[in-house]
Amino acid sequence: MDVARILAELRRDRERVDEAIVSLEQLVRNRGPRRGKPPAWMAALTTKRRGRPPGSKKKKKTSLSN
């Protein structure tokens, strides 16, 4: 068991986590009212389909002749 190697890996992991935390904090801090049109890749993620979903059409009522 190489304790020095394990410590070095843990330190690298800690640095990556710290960088991720800083990046997320900056994203949260910079959230304000957005202006303008969103980028195409973002618009593609948020587009909503209009109309009925497939398979939800009205079904014809069949008249029962007894």
Protein backbone atom coordinates (compact mmCIF):
# COMPACT_ATOMS: atom_id res chain seq x y z
CA MET A 1 0.00 0.00 0.00
CA ASP A 2 1.63 3.20 -1.21
CA VAL A 3 0.24 5.91 1.06
CA ALA A 4 2.10 8.70 -0.71
CA ARG A 5 0.50 7.75 -4.05
CA ILE A 6 -2.96 7.59 -2.50
CA LEU A 7 -2.49 11.01 -0.90
CA ALA A 8 -1.34 12.49 -4.21
CA GLU A 9 -4.46 11.11 -5.98
CA LEU A 10 -6.73 12.44 -3.24
CA ARG A 11 -5.14 15.88 -3.51
CA ARG A 12 -5.70 15.90 -7.29
CA ASP A 13 -9.30 14.87 -6.74
CA ARG A 14 -9.74 17.63 -4.17
CA GLU A 15 -8.38 20.20 -6.64
CA ARG A 16 -10.86 19.03 -9.30
CA VAL A 17 -13.75 19.21 -6.86
CA ASP A 18 -12.70 22.70 -5.76
CA GLU A 19 -12.57 23.84 -9.39
CA ALA A 20 -16.02 22.40 -10.03
CA ILE A 21 -17.40 24.17 -6.96
CA VAL A 22 -15.93 27.50 -8.08
CA SER A 23 -17.39 27.06 -11.57
CA LEU A 24 -20.84 26.28 -10.20
CA GLU A 25 -20.70 29.21 -7.81
CA GLN A 26 -19.85 31.53 -10.71
CA LEU A 27 -22.79 30.18 -12.70
CA VAL A 28 -25.16 30.81 -9.82
CA ARG A 29 -23.76 34.29 -9.18
CA ASN A 30 -24.05 35.32 -12.83
CA ARG A 31 -27.67 34.30 -13.17
CA GLY A 32 -29.65 37.37 -13.96
CA PRO A 33 -32.33 38.30 -16.39
CA ARG A 34 -31.34 36.94 -19.75
CA ARG A 35 -31.62 39.03 -22.84
CA GLY A 36 -31.89 38.05 -26.44
CA LYS A 37 -32.39 34.82 -28.27
CA PRO A 38 -30.90 31.67 -26.73
CA PRO A 39 -28.21 29.79 -28.65
CA ALA A 40 -29.43 27.16 -31.10
CA TRP A 41 -28.23 24.25 -28.98
CA MET A 42 -30.10 25.55 -25.95
CA ALA A 43 -33.25 26.30 -27.92
CA ALA A 44 -33.23 22.74 -29.25
CA LEU A 45 -33.27 21.42 -25.70
CA THR A 46 -36.15 23.59 -24.57
CA THR A 47 -38.47 23.48 -27.57
CA LYS A 48 -41.92 22.23 -26.78
CA ARG A 49 -44.05 20.37 -29.22
CA ARG A 50 -47.45 21.76 -29.91
CA GLY A 51 -50.59 19.79 -30.34
CA ARG A 52 -51.58 16.38 -29.12
CA PRO A 53 -49.05 13.71 -28.37
CA PRO A 54 -48.97 10.76 -30.75
CA GLY A 55 -51.64 8.17 -30.08
CA SER A 56 -54.03 10.50 -28.30
CA LYS A 57 -56.40 11.19 -31.19
CA LYS A 58 -60.10 11.04 -30.57
CA LYS A 59 -61.38 7.58 -31.15
CA LYS A 60 -64.56 7.17 -33.17
CA LYS A 61 -67.47 5.89 -31.20
CA THR A 62 -68.86 2.77 -32.73
CA SER A 63 -72.61 2.60 -32.66
CA LEU A 64 -73.90 -0.61 -31.24
CA SER A 65 -76.90 -1.83 -33.22
CA ASN A 66 -78.89 -4.23 -31.09
